[in-house]
Amino acid sequence: MIPELVLLRSDNGRTLAEREIKTLQINPEFKCGVDVYQVKEYLKTVNPTCVVGSNIERHLAQELNIPLSFEIVYPVLEYRMTDRQYFGYRGMLNLIEIIQNQWRNKWKSKRKRYKSKW
């Protein structure tokens, strides 16, 4: 999966992201400091088959009928994100793990009912 578009809300990761994009020798459209509306507009123009982002991007993907979306950035719900790589070899392993877990969780029943044991 080679990204066509890389959008970062914060400007803080610009240098690292530019360096990684150059190292990977890929040429996606790259923007920093974008807000939710801009993300939506970029997604409309690119019309991707997959979105990797936060809960916000997941909702945008549903709204725009994008078939796949994976949440990799969210508040601490399942694990802590400190010192977790998302670029390079280890980063790819982390992303694959997250995508597999999201894919598995997607098929869990949303209406699971529990009966009391007593």
C-alpha atoms as a PDB file:
ATOM      1  CA  MET A   1       0.000   0.000   0.000  1.00  0.00           C
ATOM      2  CA  ILE A   2       1.691   3.184  -1.200  1.00  0.00           C
ATOM      3  CA  PRO A   3       0.071   6.387   0.088  1.00  0.00           C
ATOM      4  CA  GLU A   4      -1.244   8.879  -2.443  1.00  0.00           C
ATOM      5  CA  LEU A   5      -1.920  11.529   0.165  1.00  0.00           C
ATOM      6  CA  VAL A   6      -0.341  12.284   3.570  1.00  0.00           C
ATOM      7  CA  LEU A   7      -2.077  14.903   5.715  1.00  0.00           C
ATOM      8  CA  LEU A   8      -0.935  15.961   9.182  1.00  0.00           C
ATOM      9  CA  ARG A   9      -3.017  18.237  11.385  1.00  0.00           C
ATOM     10  CA  SER A  10       0.011  19.415  13.317  1.00  0.00           C
ATOM     11  CA  ASP A  11       3.081  21.070  11.866  1.00  0.00           C
ATOM     12  CA  ASN A  12       5.277  19.385  14.514  1.00  0.00           C
ATOM     13  CA  GLY A  13       5.965  16.219  12.520  1.00  0.00           C
ATOM     14  CA  ARG A  14       6.743  17.907   9.208  1.00  0.00           C
ATOM     15  CA  THR A  15      10.512  17.339   9.235  1.00  0.00           C
ATOM     16  CA  LEU A  16      10.262  13.697  10.291  1.00  0.00           C
ATOM     17  CA  ALA A  17       7.506  12.932   7.775  1.00  0.00           C
ATOM     18  CA  GLU A  18       9.381  14.631   4.911  1.00  0.00           C
ATOM     19  CA  ARG A  19      12.537  12.692   5.774  1.00  0.00           C
ATOM     20  CA  GLU A  20      10.667   9.367   5.890  1.00  0.00           C
ATOM     21  CA  ILE A  21       8.866  10.052   2.598  1.00  0.00           C
ATOM     22  CA  LYS A  22      12.207  10.833   0.978  1.00  0.00           C
ATOM     23  CA  THR A  23      13.827   7.701   2.481  1.00  0.00           C
ATOM     24  CA  LEU A  24      10.975   5.491   1.248  1.00  0.00           C
ATOM     25  CA  GLN A  25      11.311   7.054  -2.216  1.00  0.00           C
ATOM     26  CA  ILE A  26       7.595   7.644  -2.575  1.00  0.00           C
ATOM     27  CA  ASN A  27       5.891  10.773  -3.833  1.00  0.00           C
ATOM     28  CA  PRO A  28       2.511  11.302  -2.141  1.00  0.00           C
ATOM     29  CA  GLU A  29       0.836  14.685  -1.965  1.00  0.00           C
ATOM     30  CA  PHE A  30       1.949  15.972   1.453  1.00  0.00           C
ATOM     31  CA  LYS A  31       0.377  18.751   3.552  1.00  0.00           C
ATOM     32  CA  CYS A  32       0.755  19.845   7.166  1.00  0.00           C
ATOM     33  CA  GLY A  33      -1.490  21.999   9.330  1.00  0.00           C
ATOM     34  CA  VAL A  34      -4.760  20.902   7.730  1.00  0.00           C
ATOM     35  CA  ASP A  35      -8.105  20.982   9.524  1.00  0.00           C
ATOM     36  CA  VAL A  36     -10.997  18.527   9.290  1.00  0.00           C
ATOM     37  CA  TYR A  37     -12.725  20.405   6.467  1.00  0.00           C
ATOM     38  CA  GLN A  38      -9.510  20.418   4.410  1.00  0.00           C
ATOM     39  CA  VAL A  39      -9.031  16.689   5.054  1.00  0.00           C
ATOM     40  CA  LYS A  40     -12.546  16.050   3.752  1.00  0.00           C
ATOM     41  CA  GLU A  41     -11.903  18.119   0.620  1.00  0.00           C
ATOM     42  CA  TYR A  42      -8.585  16.344  -0.067  1.00  0.00           C
ATOM     43  CA  LEU A  43     -10.263  12.948   0.364  1.00  0.00           C
ATOM     44  CA  LYS A  44     -12.952  13.964  -2.125  1.00  0.00           C
ATOM     45  CA  THR A  45     -10.346  14.855  -4.748  1.00  0.00           C
ATOM     46  CA  VAL A  46      -8.149  11.779  -4.249  1.00  0.00           C
ATOM     47  CA  ASN A  47     -11.045   9.305  -3.740  1.00  0.00           C
ATOM     48  CA  PRO A  48      -8.896   6.641  -2.011  1.00  0.00           C
ATOM     49  CA  THR A  49      -9.864   3.035  -1.341  1.00  0.00           C
ATOM     50  CA  CYS A  50      -8.374   3.130   2.165  1.00  0.00           C
ATOM     51  CA  VAL A  51      -7.947   5.784   4.866  1.00  0.00           C
ATOM     52  CA  VAL A  52      -5.559   5.437   7.803  1.00  0.00           C
ATOM     53  CA  GLY A  53      -6.092   7.985  10.557  1.00  0.00           C
ATOM     54  CA  SER A  54      -8.148   8.802  13.618  1.00  0.00           C
ATOM     55  CA  ASN A  55     -11.801   8.402  14.521  1.00  0.00           C
ATOM     56  CA  ILE A  56     -12.483  11.647  12.631  1.00  0.00           C
ATOM     57  CA  GLU A  57     -11.064  10.254   9.391  1.00  0.00           C
ATOM     58  CA  ARG A  58     -13.028   7.049   9.930  1.00  0.00           C
ATOM     59  CA  HIS A  59     -16.264   9.046  10.024  1.00  0.00           C
ATOM     60  CA  LEU A  60     -15.200  11.026   6.953  1.00  0.00           C
ATOM     61  CA  ALA A  61     -14.474   7.758   5.147  1.00  0.00           C
ATOM     62  CA  GLN A  62     -17.959   6.476   5.983  1.00  0.00           C
ATOM     63  CA  GLU A  63     -19.528   9.732   4.814  1.00  0.00           C
ATOM     64  CA  LEU A  64     -17.586   9.645   1.523  1.00  0.00           C
ATOM     65  CA  ASN A  65     -18.227   5.905   0.970  1.00  0.00           C
ATOM     66  CA  ILE A  66     -14.553   4.983   1.176  1.00  0.00           C
ATOM     67  CA  PRO A  67     -14.539   1.182   1.617  1.00  0.00           C
ATOM     68  CA  LEU A  68     -11.724   0.781   4.176  1.00  0.00           C
ATOM     69  CA  SER A  69     -10.667   2.899   7.132  1.00  0.00           C
ATOM     70  CA  PHE A  70      -8.295   2.075   9.959  1.00  0.00           C
ATOM     71  CA  GLU A  71      -7.952   4.000  13.215  1.00  0.00           C
ATOM     72  CA  ILE A  72      -4.332   4.173  14.270  1.00  0.00           C
ATOM     73  CA  VAL A  73      -4.423   7.461  16.146  1.00  0.00           C
ATOM     74  CA  TYR A  74      -6.794   7.907  19.057  1.00  0.00           C
ATOM     75  CA  PRO A  75      -6.739   8.689  22.761  1.00  0.00           C
ATOM     76  CA  VAL A  76      -5.294   6.071  25.045  1.00  0.00           C
ATOM     77  CA  LEU A  77      -7.974   3.409  24.822  1.00  0.00           C
ATOM     78  CA  GLU A  78      -6.097   0.207  24.039  1.00  0.00           C
ATOM     79  CA  TYR A  79      -2.396   1.005  24.401  1.00  0.00           C
ATOM     80  CA  ARG A  80      -0.024   3.862  24.957  1.00  0.00           C
ATOM     81  CA  MET A  81       1.423   5.405  21.839  1.00  0.00           C
ATOM     82  CA  THR A  82       4.605   6.764  23.374  1.00  0.00           C
ATOM     83  CA  ASP A  83       7.770   5.424  21.784  1.00  0.00           C
ATOM     84  CA  ARG A  84       5.765   3.553  19.148  1.00  0.00           C
ATOM     85  CA  GLN A  85       7.180   3.827  15.653  1.00  0.00           C
ATOM     86  CA  TYR A  86       5.017   4.241  12.551  1.00  0.00           C
ATOM     87  CA  PHE A  87       7.744   4.613   9.925  1.00  0.00           C
ATOM     88  CA  GLY A  88      10.416   2.181   8.773  1.00  0.00           C
ATOM     89  CA  TYR A  89      10.520  -1.582   9.360  1.00  0.00           C
ATOM     90  CA  ARG A  90       9.282  -1.560  12.969  1.00  0.00           C
ATOM     91  CA  GLY A  91       6.746   1.096  12.118  1.00  0.00           C
ATOM     92  CA  MET A  92       5.309  -1.075   9.359  1.00  0.00           C
ATOM     93  CA  LEU A  93       5.033  -4.001  11.798  1.00  0.00           C
ATOM     94  CA  ASN A  94       3.169  -1.747  14.252  1.00  0.00           C
ATOM     95  CA  LEU A  95       0.828  -0.521  11.510  1.00  0.00           C
ATOM     96  CA  ILE A  96       0.129  -4.068  10.327  1.00  0.00           C
ATOM     97  CA  GLU A  97      -0.676  -5.101  13.904  1.00  0.00           C
ATOM     98  CA  ILE A  98      -3.082  -2.179  14.322  1.00  0.00           C
ATOM     99  CA  ILE A  99      -4.749  -2.825  10.954  1.00  0.00           C
ATOM    100  CA  GLN A 100      -5.194  -6.530  11.749  1.00  0.00           C
ATOM    101  CA  ASN A 101      -6.749  -5.726  15.122  1.00  0.00           C
ATOM    102  CA  GLN A 102      -9.045  -3.094  13.602  1.00  0.00           C
ATOM    103  CA  TRP A 103     -10.098  -5.504  10.857  1.00  0.00           C
ATOM    104  CA  ARG A 104     -10.855  -8.232  13.408  1.00  0.00           C
ATOM    105  CA  ASN A 105     -12.760  -5.825  15.669  1.00  0.00           C
ATOM    106  CA  LYS A 106     -14.789  -4.550  12.721  1.00  0.00           C
ATOM    107  CA  TRP A 107     -16.519  -7.911  12.411  1.00  0.00           C
ATOM    108  CA  LYS A 108     -17.411  -8.218  16.087  1.00  0.00           C
ATOM    109  CA  SER A 109     -21.095  -7.973  16.859  1.00  0.00           C
ATOM    110  CA  LYS A 110     -22.231  -4.460  17.701  1.00  0.00           C
ATOM    111  CA  ARG A 111     -25.296  -5.853  19.464  1.00  0.00           C
ATOM    112  CA  LYS A 112     -23.645  -8.331  21.767  1.00  0.00           C
ATOM    113  CA  ARG A 113     -25.954  -9.111  24.655  1.00  0.00           C
ATOM    114  CA  TYR A 114     -24.807 -10.574  27.913  1.00  0.00           C
ATOM    115  CA  LYS A 115     -26.943 -12.669  30.223  1.00  0.00           C
ATOM    116  CA  SER A 116     -26.452 -12.620  33.902  1.00  0.00           C
ATOM    117  CA  LYS A 117     -25.149 -15.860  35.414  1.00  0.00           C
ATOM    118  CA  TRP A 118     -27.350 -15.594  38.481  1.00  0.00           C
END
